[in-house]
Structures are given as structure tokens and as C-alpha cells.
Protein backbone atom coordinates (compact mmCIF):
# COMPACT_ATOMS: atom_id res chain seq x y z
CA MET A 1 16.91 27.81 49.82
CA LYS A 2 15.76 28.03 53.40
CA ILE A 3 12.14 27.28 54.12
CA LYS A 4 10.12 30.32 55.32
CA VAL A 5 6.63 30.89 56.54
CA ILE A 6 5.39 34.08 54.76
CA SER A 7 1.90 34.26 56.13
CA VAL A 8 -0.44 32.35 58.40
CA ASN A 9 -4.24 32.70 57.73
CA ILE A 10 -7.62 31.68 59.14
CA SER A 11 -11.25 32.01 58.41
CA GLU A 12 -13.86 31.90 61.16
CA LYS A 13 -16.63 30.75 58.83
CA LYS A 14 -16.63 28.31 56.02
CA GLY A 15 -17.10 29.93 52.57
CA THR A 16 -15.15 33.08 53.48
CA VAL A 17 -11.67 34.05 52.41
CA LYS A 18 -8.95 33.34 54.96
CA VAL A 19 -7.22 36.45 56.41
CA PRO A 20 -3.63 36.81 57.61
CA VAL A 21 -3.11 36.75 61.40
CA GLY A 22 -0.12 37.25 63.54
CA GLN A 23 0.14 33.65 64.66
CA ILE A 24 -1.72 30.32 64.62
CA GLU A 25 -1.91 27.40 66.96
CA LEU A 26 -1.70 23.90 65.42
CA ASN A 27 -3.44 21.09 67.31
CA SER A 28 -4.75 17.57 66.56
CA ASN A 29 -7.78 19.10 64.73
CA GLY A 30 -5.88 21.53 62.61
CA VAL A 31 -5.62 25.29 63.06
CA ALA A 32 -7.31 26.46 66.30
CA GLY A 33 -10.02 28.95 65.46
CA ASP A 34 -10.19 28.08 61.72
CA ALA A 35 -13.49 27.01 60.26
CA HIS A 36 -11.94 23.98 58.51
CA ALA A 37 -10.46 22.54 61.69
CA GLY A 38 -11.91 19.23 62.76
CA LYS A 39 -11.53 15.48 62.42
CA TRP A 40 -11.54 15.08 58.73
CA HIS A 41 -9.11 15.04 55.73
CA ARG A 42 -8.26 18.80 55.31
CA GLN A 43 -7.21 20.25 58.64
CA VAL A 44 -4.21 22.37 57.52
CA SER A 45 -3.50 23.61 54.01
CA LEU A 46 -0.21 25.03 52.67
CA LEU A 47 0.50 27.00 49.49
CA GLY A 48 3.97 28.00 48.25
CA THR A 49 4.61 31.53 47.14
CA GLU A 50 6.06 30.01 43.96
CA SER A 51 2.58 28.79 42.93
CA PHE A 52 0.98 31.93 44.33
CA ARG A 53 3.16 34.25 42.14
CA LYS A 54 2.49 32.08 39.01
CA PHE A 55 -1.27 32.52 39.52
CA GLU A 56 -0.86 36.32 39.98
CA ILE A 57 0.68 36.50 36.52
CA THR A 58 -2.09 34.33 35.08
CA ALA A 59 -4.83 36.30 36.82
CA GLY A 60 -3.20 39.71 35.97
CA ARG A 61 -3.68 40.99 39.48
CA ALA A 62 -2.10 40.94 42.88
CA LEU A 63 -3.53 38.40 45.35
CA GLN A 64 -3.77 38.58 49.12
CA TYR A 65 -2.35 35.82 51.31
CA GLY A 66 -5.17 33.53 52.41
CA GLU A 67 -7.14 34.15 49.20
CA PHE A 68 -6.53 30.53 48.08
CA ALA A 69 -7.83 29.27 51.46
CA GLU A 70 -4.30 28.29 52.54
CA ASN A 71 -3.61 28.33 56.34
CA ILE A 72 0.17 28.64 55.82
CA THR A 73 1.88 30.46 52.93
CA THR A 74 5.45 29.08 52.46
CA GLU A 75 8.57 29.88 50.51
CA GLY A 76 11.38 27.54 49.65
CA ILE A 77 9.72 24.23 49.68
CA VAL A 78 8.35 22.28 46.68
CA LEU A 79 5.00 21.35 48.24
CA TYR A 80 3.87 19.15 45.34
CA GLU A 81 6.81 16.82 46.15
CA THR A 82 5.66 16.29 49.74
CA HIS A 83 3.32 13.61 51.11
CA PRO A 84 0.69 13.28 53.71
CA LEU A 85 2.07 12.97 57.25
CA ASP A 86 5.46 14.62 56.11
CA ARG A 87 6.92 16.84 58.88
CA PHE A 88 8.65 20.15 58.23
CA VAL A 89 11.22 21.91 60.39
CA ILE A 90 11.14 25.70 60.08
CA GLY A 91 13.57 27.41 62.43
CA ASP A 92 13.10 25.84 65.83
CA VAL A 93 9.60 24.63 65.04
CA LEU A 94 8.62 21.10 63.96
């Protein structure tokens, strides 16, 4: 299966749900404009739709992208098999 980015999400304040936006900019501190960007251990978070859909069934309700505080919602990659510092190529973007 081809890897896809389904949604990109940010929150401007910590403790708030991330909301989908049209695009994000990644830099050395994480996602520009996101409250969790900075020089620490969790600059960018990813969540696969595979996990997202599984939780929707468990919760018995539809979820919105960003509700898990993920910056990037993906499809077609088994994220729990990846490692810190792995790089992903999606289309023409590394």
C-alpha cells in the first residue's frame, strides 16, 4: 500500500485539541506554529488511520483528525514498526 498523509494538524496552545490545517511546515523544532514544537523529545507526532479507525469502533463514535494530538495522520505505514530518526518518503517529500 502506498503511504498517504490524510491530515495535518496543529494546536496553538498546549492542552487543546489539534485541528486540521491545509499544510504544515516542519523545522528543526518540529511543526512551526504548534504548541508542542521545541527542543525536547516530542516535536512531531504521527498516528495511522489504522489505529484511528480501531479506536472509533472501541469508542463507539466518529473521531476528528487531531483529536489524538497527532500532527500528521497517515495511512499505509505501520508506525509501531518504525524507530526514532526513521525518515519517510511520501510523494516527492522526504
